[in-house]
Amino acid sequence: MKAIGKYIVIDKINEEVKTESGLLLSASDVKDFRYEKGIVVTAGTEVSSIVEGDEIYYDKGHSYTMMIDNVKRTIIRENDVVVVSSPS
C-alpha cells in the first residue's frame, strides 16, 4: 500500500491527557481538542518532509477513516499536519 499525491496514511495514537496539576481529562474533554496525534504509516508520492514512522499532530477535522487491509487507518493531507517529530 502506498499513498499518492499529498495524502498521508496514519495510525491514530490514543493517549491519556493530563493537566499540569496531574488530572486526567475525560474522553469527552479530549474530543473537543482540534488536533490529534498519529504515527505515519506511509506518505504520498508528493510528500517530501514527512516519512514513515514520524509522529505528527494533525487537524482532526480534515481527516478520513478507512479500512485498509482490515486495519482502521486515518487519511489526511500534508497541509493538515501542524507538528512533525522524527523518530530518534
N, C-alpha and C. Protein backbone atom coordinates (compact mmCIF):
# COMPACT_ATOMS: atom_id res chain seq x y z
N MET A 1 0.85 -1.16 0.00
CA MET A 1 0.00 0.00 0.00
C MET A 1 0.90 1.24 0.00
N LYS A 2 0.57 2.21 -0.83
CA LYS A 2 1.32 3.46 -0.90
C LYS A 2 0.32 4.58 -1.16
N ALA A 3 0.39 5.62 -0.34
CA ALA A 3 -0.45 6.79 -0.56
C ALA A 3 0.07 7.53 -1.79
N ILE A 4 -0.81 8.26 -2.46
CA ILE A 4 -0.39 9.02 -3.63
C ILE A 4 -0.61 10.51 -3.39
N GLY A 5 0.06 11.31 -4.18
CA GLY A 5 -0.11 12.76 -4.08
C GLY A 5 0.32 13.29 -2.72
N LYS A 6 -0.47 14.21 -2.19
CA LYS A 6 -0.18 14.87 -0.92
C LYS A 6 -0.86 14.19 0.27
N TYR A 7 -1.37 12.96 0.07
CA TYR A 7 -2.06 12.25 1.15
C TYR A 7 -1.08 11.48 2.02
N ILE A 8 -1.46 11.31 3.30
CA ILE A 8 -0.66 10.58 4.27
C ILE A 8 -1.58 9.60 4.99
N VAL A 9 -1.14 8.37 5.14
CA VAL A 9 -1.89 7.35 5.88
C VAL A 9 -1.25 7.24 7.26
N ILE A 10 -2.08 7.35 8.30
CA ILE A 10 -1.56 7.30 9.67
C ILE A 10 -2.37 6.35 10.54
N ASP A 11 -1.77 5.97 11.64
CA ASP A 11 -2.47 5.28 12.72
C ASP A 11 -2.61 6.29 13.85
N LYS A 12 -3.83 6.50 14.32
CA LYS A 12 -4.04 7.42 15.44
C LYS A 12 -3.42 6.86 16.70
N ILE A 13 -2.88 7.76 17.52
CA ILE A 13 -2.33 7.38 18.81
C ILE A 13 -3.30 7.87 19.87
N ASN A 14 -3.87 6.94 20.62
CA ASN A 14 -4.77 7.31 21.71
C ASN A 14 -3.95 7.38 22.98
N GLU A 15 -3.86 8.57 23.54
CA GLU A 15 -3.06 8.75 24.74
C GLU A 15 -3.88 9.44 25.82
N GLU A 16 -3.51 9.18 27.06
CA GLU A 16 -4.15 9.87 28.18
C GLU A 16 -3.63 11.30 28.21
N VAL A 17 -4.51 12.23 28.46
CA VAL A 17 -4.11 13.63 28.52
C VAL A 17 -4.25 14.10 29.96
N LYS A 18 -3.13 14.61 30.50
CA LYS A 18 -3.10 15.11 31.87
C LYS A 18 -2.91 16.62 31.86
N THR A 19 -3.53 17.27 32.82
CA THR A 19 -3.29 18.70 33.02
C THR A 19 -1.98 18.87 33.78
N GLU A 20 -1.51 20.10 33.87
CA GLU A 20 -0.27 20.36 34.61
C GLU A 20 -0.38 19.93 36.07
N SER A 21 -1.59 19.98 36.61
CA SER A 21 -1.77 19.58 38.01
C SER A 21 -1.91 18.07 38.18
N GLY A 22 -1.91 17.31 37.07
CA GLY A 22 -1.95 15.86 37.15
C GLY A 22 -3.31 15.23 36.97
N LEU A 23 -4.35 16.04 36.69
CA LEU A 23 -5.68 15.48 36.47
C LEU A 23 -5.79 14.88 35.08
N LEU A 24 -6.39 13.69 34.99
CA LEU A 24 -6.64 13.07 33.70
C LEU A 24 -7.90 13.66 33.10
N LEU A 25 -7.84 14.04 31.83
CA LEU A 25 -9.02 14.57 31.16
C LEU A 25 -9.88 13.42 30.67
N SER A 26 -11.18 13.61 30.69
CA SER A 26 -12.10 12.58 30.23
C SER A 26 -12.11 12.53 28.70
N ALA A 27 -12.62 11.44 28.16
CA ALA A 27 -12.70 11.28 26.71
C ALA A 27 -13.53 12.39 26.08
N SER A 28 -14.58 12.84 26.77
CA SER A 28 -15.42 13.91 26.22
C SER A 28 -14.67 15.24 26.18
N ASP A 29 -13.77 15.47 27.15
CA ASP A 29 -12.95 16.69 27.13
C ASP A 29 -11.93 16.63 25.99
N VAL A 30 -11.32 15.47 25.81
CA VAL A 30 -10.28 15.31 24.79
C VAL A 30 -10.86 15.43 23.40
N LYS A 31 -12.09 14.99 23.19
CA LYS A 31 -12.68 15.05 21.84
C LYS A 31 -12.89 16.49 21.37
N ASP A 32 -12.86 17.45 22.29
CA ASP A 32 -13.00 18.85 21.93
C ASP A 32 -11.70 19.46 21.40
N PHE A 33 -10.58 18.75 21.56
CA PHE A 33 -9.30 19.25 21.05
C PHE A 33 -9.33 19.23 19.53
N ARG A 34 -8.74 20.23 18.92
CA ARG A 34 -8.73 20.33 17.46
C ARG A 34 -7.72 19.38 16.83
N TYR A 35 -6.63 19.10 17.54
CA TYR A 35 -5.54 18.31 16.96
C TYR A 35 -5.41 16.96 17.65
N GLU A 36 -4.99 15.96 16.86
CA GLU A 36 -4.75 14.62 17.38
C GLU A 36 -3.35 14.19 16.98
N LYS A 37 -2.88 13.16 17.66
CA LYS A 37 -1.54 12.63 17.42
C LYS A 37 -1.63 11.34 16.63
N GLY A 38 -0.68 11.12 15.74
CA GLY A 38 -0.66 9.89 14.96
C GLY A 38 0.75 9.53 14.55
N ILE A 39 0.89 8.32 14.04
CA ILE A 39 2.18 7.87 13.52
C ILE A 39 2.00 7.55 12.04
N VAL A 40 2.93 8.01 11.23
CA VAL A 40 2.81 7.88 9.78
C VAL A 40 3.08 6.43 9.36
N VAL A 41 2.13 5.86 8.62
CA VAL A 41 2.27 4.52 8.05
C VAL A 41 2.92 4.63 6.68
N THR A 42 2.43 5.54 5.86
CA THR A 42 3.01 5.80 4.55
C THR A 42 2.67 7.23 4.13
N ALA A 43 3.62 7.87 3.47
CA ALA A 43 3.42 9.23 2.97
C ALA A 43 3.28 9.16 1.45
N GLY A 44 2.48 10.08 0.90
CA GLY A 44 2.20 10.10 -0.52
C GLY A 44 3.41 10.38 -1.39
N THR A 45 3.23 10.19 -2.68
CA THR A 45 4.31 10.34 -3.66
C THR A 45 4.80 11.77 -3.79
N GLU A 46 4.01 12.75 -3.38
CA GLU A 46 4.41 14.16 -3.47
C GLU A 46 4.72 14.78 -2.10
N VAL A 47 4.84 13.95 -1.07
CA VAL A 47 5.16 14.43 0.27
C VAL A 47 6.66 14.25 0.49
N SER A 48 7.35 15.35 0.82
CA SER A 48 8.80 15.25 0.92
C SER A 48 9.34 15.39 2.35
N SER A 49 8.63 16.09 3.22
CA SER A 49 9.18 16.37 4.55
C SER A 49 8.66 15.45 5.65
N ILE A 50 7.79 14.52 5.31
CA ILE A 50 7.21 13.60 6.29
C ILE A 50 7.45 12.18 5.78
N VAL A 51 7.97 11.33 6.67
CA VAL A 51 8.29 9.96 6.26
C VAL A 51 7.66 8.95 7.20
N GLU A 52 7.65 7.71 6.78
CA GLU A 52 7.12 6.61 7.59
C GLU A 52 7.79 6.60 8.96
N GLY A 53 6.98 6.46 10.01
CA GLY A 53 7.48 6.40 11.38
C GLY A 53 7.46 7.72 12.11
N ASP A 54 7.28 8.84 11.39
CA ASP A 54 7.21 10.15 12.05
C ASP A 54 5.96 10.22 12.93
N GLU A 55 6.08 10.84 14.10
CA GLU A 55 4.91 11.16 14.92
C GLU A 55 4.47 12.55 14.53
N ILE A 56 3.18 12.73 14.33
CA ILE A 56 2.66 14.01 13.89
C ILE A 56 1.45 14.42 14.71
N TYR A 57 1.17 15.71 14.73
CA TYR A 57 -0.10 16.25 15.19
C TYR A 57 -0.79 16.80 13.96
N TYR A 58 -2.08 16.52 13.82
CA TYR A 58 -2.81 16.92 12.62
C TYR A 58 -4.19 17.44 13.00
N ASP A 59 -4.76 18.21 12.10
CA ASP A 59 -6.10 18.76 12.28
C ASP A 59 -7.12 17.65 12.06
N LYS A 60 -7.73 17.17 13.15
CA LYS A 60 -8.62 16.01 13.04
C LYS A 60 -9.90 16.32 12.27
N GLY A 61 -10.23 17.60 12.11
CA GLY A 61 -11.43 17.97 11.36
C GLY A 61 -11.31 17.70 9.88
N HIS A 62 -10.10 17.47 9.40
CA HIS A 62 -9.88 17.22 7.98
C HIS A 62 -9.38 15.81 7.71
N SER A 63 -9.69 14.89 8.59
CA SER A 63 -9.23 13.51 8.42
C SER A 63 -10.38 12.59 8.01
N TYR A 64 -10.01 11.48 7.40
CA TYR A 64 -10.97 10.47 6.97
C TYR A 64 -10.50 9.12 7.48
N THR A 65 -11.42 8.25 7.83
CA THR A 65 -11.08 6.92 8.32
C THR A 65 -11.50 5.88 7.29
N MET A 66 -10.60 4.94 7.04
CA MET A 66 -10.86 3.86 6.09
C MET A 66 -10.36 2.54 6.67
N MET A 67 -10.93 1.46 6.18
CA MET A 67 -10.40 0.14 6.48
C MET A 67 -9.44 -0.23 5.36
N ILE A 68 -8.16 -0.40 5.69
CA ILE A 68 -7.15 -0.79 4.71
C ILE A 68 -6.50 -2.06 5.23
N ASP A 69 -6.58 -3.13 4.45
CA ASP A 69 -6.03 -4.43 4.87
C ASP A 69 -6.58 -4.84 6.23
N ASN A 70 -7.89 -4.63 6.43
CA ASN A 70 -8.59 -4.98 7.67
C ASN A 70 -8.09 -4.24 8.89
N VAL A 71 -7.47 -3.08 8.69
CA VAL A 71 -7.00 -2.24 9.78
C VAL A 71 -7.61 -0.84 9.59
N LYS A 72 -8.12 -0.28 10.68
CA LYS A 72 -8.70 1.06 10.62
C LYS A 72 -7.57 2.09 10.55
N ARG A 73 -7.50 2.83 9.44
CA ARG A 73 -6.45 3.82 9.21
C ARG A 73 -7.08 5.20 9.01
N THR A 74 -6.30 6.24 9.27
CA THR A 74 -6.74 7.61 9.07
C THR A 74 -5.97 8.20 7.91
N ILE A 75 -6.68 8.93 7.04
CA ILE A 75 -6.09 9.56 5.86
C ILE A 75 -6.18 11.07 6.04
N ILE A 76 -5.06 11.75 5.83
CA ILE A 76 -5.04 13.22 5.91
C ILE A 76 -4.23 13.76 4.74
N ARG A 77 -4.31 15.08 4.54
CA ARG A 77 -3.48 15.74 3.54
C ARG A 77 -2.27 16.35 4.25
N GLU A 78 -1.19 16.50 3.51
CA GLU A 78 0.04 17.02 4.09
C GLU A 78 -0.16 18.38 4.74
N ASN A 79 -0.98 19.25 4.15
CA ASN A 79 -1.16 20.59 4.71
C ASN A 79 -1.98 20.61 6.00
N ASP A 80 -2.51 19.48 6.45
CA ASP A 80 -3.23 19.40 7.72
C ASP A 80 -2.32 18.98 8.88
N VAL A 81 -1.05 18.73 8.58
CA VAL A 81 -0.06 18.39 9.60
C VAL A 81 0.47 19.69 10.19
N VAL A 82 0.49 19.79 11.54
CA VAL A 82 0.96 21.01 12.18
C VAL A 82 2.29 20.83 12.91
N VAL A 83 2.61 19.60 13.33
CA VAL A 83 3.87 19.32 14.03
C VAL A 83 4.36 17.95 13.59
N VAL A 84 5.69 17.84 13.35
CA VAL A 84 6.30 16.56 13.00
C VAL A 84 7.43 16.30 13.99
N SER A 85 7.47 15.07 14.52
CA SER A 85 8.54 14.66 15.41
C SER A 85 9.14 13.38 14.81
N SER A 86 10.35 13.49 14.25
CA SER A 86 11.00 12.32 13.64
C SER A 86 11.49 11.38 14.72
N PRO A 87 11.46 10.06 14.44
CA PRO A 87 11.94 9.10 15.44
C PRO A 87 13.43 9.28 15.69
N SER A 88 13.87 8.97 16.90
CA SER A 88 15.29 9.11 17.27
C SER A 88 16.12 7.99 16.72
